[in-house]
Amino acid sequence: MKIKDNISNIIFIVLLIAMFIPTSREWLLTNVISHLPFSASEVKRENQKIFTDYQWQLQDLDGTMLKLEDTKTKKVLLVNFWATWCPPCIAEMPSLQRLYDDYDDKIQFVFVSNESAEKIKSFLIKKGFTMPIYNKYNTMPKVFDVTKIPTTYIISKGGQIVVEETGVTDWNSAKTRKILDDLIKE
């Protein structure tokens, strides 16, 4: 019971600090929440949606177009919706960066933000992130039901949405790596 009380007290103190010192929120979320064991879970096969809209086009921060059609049936796709002002997004970014570092040549990473290229570039430099960021060029596919960020999808080569997660997640977990490794082998 003593350990539970201590954890409750720590959470209470963290929330108080975040409430009264707004500039501490990003640091708290990045350093506290990112250490909690939230890892991705597969969607049950019977509940998996199918991604078919490979006509969706995105534009990277330098203006180069990405046509998802070029990845169809060739690569597993990880699509992450995020923003630089979103503390949970920022909290999960280090785990996404580590995953990107290890799987860049094996899967297609698509990090999507609605913010300006200048704002995103500044954020990436400040944080030391190198993952590819895109802005939507045409209408987002309806299958992506993004009402909250961060939201991340992992899509098989066959188009099944195998993972659909909203909220901060440890993307560099053994569980996520196993999901990706199994999908890459398909």
Protein backbone atom coordinates (compact mmCIF):
# COMPACT_ATOMS: atom_id res chain seq x y z
CA MET A 1 0.00 0.00 0.00
CA LYS A 2 2.88 2.35 0.74
CA ILE A 3 4.22 2.12 -2.85
CA LYS A 4 0.77 2.86 -4.25
CA ASP A 5 0.50 5.92 -2.00
CA ASN A 6 3.91 7.14 -3.13
CA ILE A 7 2.98 6.75 -6.81
CA SER A 8 -0.29 8.60 -6.22
CA ASN A 9 1.57 11.39 -4.46
CA ILE A 10 4.09 11.67 -7.29
CA ILE A 11 1.33 11.82 -9.92
CA PHE A 12 -0.48 14.48 -7.87
CA ILE A 13 2.68 16.60 -7.59
CA VAL A 14 3.40 16.25 -11.32
CA LEU A 15 -0.14 17.37 -12.16
CA LEU A 16 0.14 20.36 -9.81
CA ILE A 17 3.43 21.41 -11.38
CA ALA A 18 1.97 21.06 -14.87
CA MET A 19 -1.08 23.08 -13.88
CA PHE A 20 0.78 25.97 -12.27
CA ILE A 21 3.92 26.05 -14.44
CA PRO A 22 2.74 25.67 -18.05
CA THR A 23 6.26 25.66 -19.47
CA SER A 24 6.97 22.46 -17.52
CA ARG A 25 4.31 20.43 -19.35
CA GLU A 26 6.47 19.34 -22.28
CA TRP A 27 9.35 18.31 -20.03
CA LEU A 28 7.04 16.45 -17.64
CA LEU A 29 5.24 14.59 -20.39
CA THR A 30 8.42 13.70 -22.22
CA ASN A 31 10.22 12.51 -19.11
CA VAL A 32 7.39 10.97 -17.13
CA ILE A 33 4.74 9.68 -19.53
CA SER A 34 7.25 8.37 -22.06
CA HIS A 35 8.55 5.97 -19.39
CA LEU A 36 5.13 4.44 -18.80
CA PRO A 37 4.63 1.04 -20.46
CA PHE A 38 2.10 1.94 -23.18
CA SER A 39 2.91 -0.12 -26.25
CA ALA A 40 1.01 -0.67 -29.47
CA SER A 41 -1.65 -3.36 -29.71
CA GLU A 42 -2.85 -5.14 -32.81
CA VAL A 43 -6.43 -4.64 -33.90
CA LYS A 44 -8.30 -7.96 -33.86
CA ARG A 45 -8.32 -9.38 -37.39
CA GLU A 46 -12.12 -9.22 -37.66
CA ASN A 47 -12.05 -5.50 -36.72
CA GLN A 48 -9.24 -4.46 -39.05
CA LYS A 49 -10.13 -1.76 -41.56
CA ILE A 50 -8.66 -1.87 -45.05
CA PHE A 51 -6.61 1.00 -46.43
CA THR A 52 -7.30 1.32 -50.14
CA ASP A 53 -6.73 5.01 -50.89
CA TYR A 54 -3.15 4.82 -52.12
CA GLN A 55 -3.88 7.90 -54.26
CA TRP A 56 -3.31 9.99 -51.13
CA GLN A 57 -0.45 12.36 -51.77
CA LEU A 58 1.74 14.11 -49.27
CA GLN A 59 4.42 16.76 -49.57
CA ASP A 60 7.62 16.70 -47.54
CA LEU A 61 9.12 19.80 -45.93
CA ASP A 62 11.16 20.57 -49.05
CA GLY A 63 8.18 20.26 -51.40
CA THR A 64 8.88 16.76 -52.75
CA MET A 65 5.75 14.68 -53.33
CA LEU A 66 5.21 11.25 -51.80
CA LYS A 67 2.77 9.03 -53.65
CA LEU A 68 1.67 6.18 -51.41
CA GLU A 69 0.80 4.29 -54.57
CA ASP A 70 4.54 3.61 -54.92
CA THR A 71 4.52 1.69 -51.60
CA LYS A 72 1.40 -0.43 -52.25
CA THR A 73 2.10 -4.14 -51.61
CA LYS A 74 5.84 -3.41 -51.32
CA LYS A 75 6.23 -1.97 -47.84
CA VAL A 76 4.58 -1.88 -44.45
CA LEU A 77 3.33 1.64 -43.79
CA LEU A 78 3.50 3.54 -40.47
CA VAL A 79 1.41 6.74 -40.51
CA ASN A 80 1.63 9.08 -37.52
CA PHE A 81 -0.47 12.24 -37.11
CA TRP A 82 1.14 14.76 -34.74
CA ALA A 83 1.91 18.42 -34.02
CA THR A 84 4.79 20.37 -32.48
CA TRP A 85 2.46 21.93 -29.87
CA CYS A 86 1.12 18.53 -28.67
CA PRO A 87 2.88 17.29 -25.48
CA PRO A 88 1.81 13.62 -25.91
CA CYS A 89 3.09 13.76 -29.51
CA ILE A 90 6.42 15.12 -28.30
CA ALA A 91 6.57 12.49 -25.55
CA GLU A 92 6.36 9.61 -28.03
CA MET A 93 8.68 11.12 -30.66
CA PRO A 94 11.95 9.73 -29.21
CA SER A 95 10.59 6.17 -29.45
CA LEU A 96 9.40 6.82 -33.00
CA GLN A 97 12.83 8.22 -33.90
CA ARG A 98 14.53 5.08 -32.57
CA LEU A 99 12.11 2.91 -34.54
CA TYR A 100 12.74 5.01 -37.66
CA ASP A 101 16.51 4.68 -37.18
CA ASP A 102 16.23 0.88 -37.16
CA TYR A 103 13.44 0.31 -39.73
CA ASP A 104 13.81 3.17 -42.22
CA ASP A 105 14.89 0.87 -45.04
CA LYS A 106 12.26 -1.78 -44.25
CA ILE A 107 9.02 0.18 -43.86
CA GLN A 108 7.58 3.46 -45.12
CA PHE A 109 7.31 6.06 -42.37
CA VAL A 110 4.85 8.90 -42.89
CA PHE A 111 4.70 11.54 -40.15
CA VAL A 112 1.88 13.97 -40.94
CA SER A 113 1.46 17.47 -39.52
CA ASN A 114 -0.67 20.44 -40.55
CA GLU A 115 1.94 22.95 -39.45
CA SER A 116 4.23 25.04 -41.64
CA ALA A 117 7.47 23.57 -42.94
CA GLU A 118 9.47 26.28 -41.15
CA LYS A 119 7.90 25.52 -37.78
CA ILE A 120 8.43 21.76 -38.20
CA LYS A 121 12.03 22.15 -39.42
CA SER A 122 12.85 24.32 -36.41
CA PHE A 123 11.28 21.73 -34.08
CA LEU A 124 13.20 18.85 -35.71
CA ILE A 125 16.52 20.68 -35.43
CA LYS A 126 15.87 21.63 -31.79
CA LYS A 127 14.98 18.04 -30.87
CA GLY A 128 17.51 16.29 -33.13
CA PHE A 129 14.87 14.28 -35.00
CA THR A 130 15.46 13.08 -38.56
CA MET A 131 12.26 11.25 -39.48
CA PRO A 132 10.41 12.32 -42.64
CA ILE A 133 7.59 14.79 -42.03
CA TYR A 134 4.83 15.48 -44.54
CA ASN A 135 1.90 17.81 -45.02
CA LYS A 136 -1.31 16.59 -46.65
CA TYR A 137 -1.40 17.53 -50.33
CA ASN A 138 -4.86 16.22 -51.12
CA THR A 139 -7.80 15.00 -49.06
CA MET A 140 -6.95 12.54 -46.30
CA PRO A 141 -8.43 9.05 -46.74
CA LYS A 142 -11.65 8.51 -44.76
CA VAL A 143 -10.25 5.34 -43.17
CA PHE A 144 -8.01 7.58 -41.04
CA ASP A 145 -10.46 8.67 -38.37
CA VAL A 146 -8.16 11.19 -36.73
CA THR A 147 -9.99 13.23 -34.11
CA LYS A 148 -7.13 13.34 -31.57
CA ILE A 149 -3.38 13.44 -31.84
CA PRO A 150 -1.11 11.64 -31.69
CA THR A 151 -2.77 8.92 -33.73
CA THR A 152 -0.70 6.23 -35.42
CA TYR A 153 -1.56 3.47 -37.88
CA ILE A 154 0.50 0.50 -38.98
CA ILE A 155 -0.70 -0.90 -42.30
CA SER A 156 0.31 -4.25 -43.76
CA LYS A 157 1.52 -4.69 -47.35
CA GLY A 158 -1.97 -6.00 -48.10
CA GLY A 159 -3.61 -2.83 -46.78
CA GLN A 160 -4.94 -4.12 -43.44
CA ILE A 161 -4.77 -1.55 -40.63
CA VAL A 162 -3.10 -3.81 -38.09
CA VAL A 163 -2.44 -1.16 -35.43
CA GLU A 164 -4.51 1.95 -34.67
CA GLU A 165 -3.34 3.82 -31.58
CA THR A 166 -4.37 7.20 -30.21
CA GLY A 167 -2.39 8.78 -27.40
CA VAL A 168 1.20 8.46 -26.29
CA THR A 169 2.73 5.06 -27.05
CA ASP A 170 6.15 3.46 -26.72
CA TRP A 171 6.74 2.68 -30.38
CA ASN A 172 10.18 1.24 -29.75
CA SER A 173 8.86 -1.61 -27.61
CA ALA A 174 9.61 -5.28 -28.24
CA LYS A 175 5.88 -5.80 -28.89
CA THR A 176 5.81 -3.19 -31.68
CA ARG A 177 9.04 -4.51 -33.19
CA LYS A 178 7.57 -8.03 -33.30
CA ILE A 179 4.45 -6.72 -35.05
CA LEU A 180 6.63 -4.92 -37.61
CA ASP A 181 8.98 -7.87 -38.11
CA ASP A 182 6.04 -10.22 -38.71
CA LEU A 183 4.47 -7.79 -41.21
CA ILE A 184 7.75 -7.31 -43.08
CA LYS A 185 8.03 -11.11 -43.54
CA GLU A 186 4.54 -11.36 -45.12
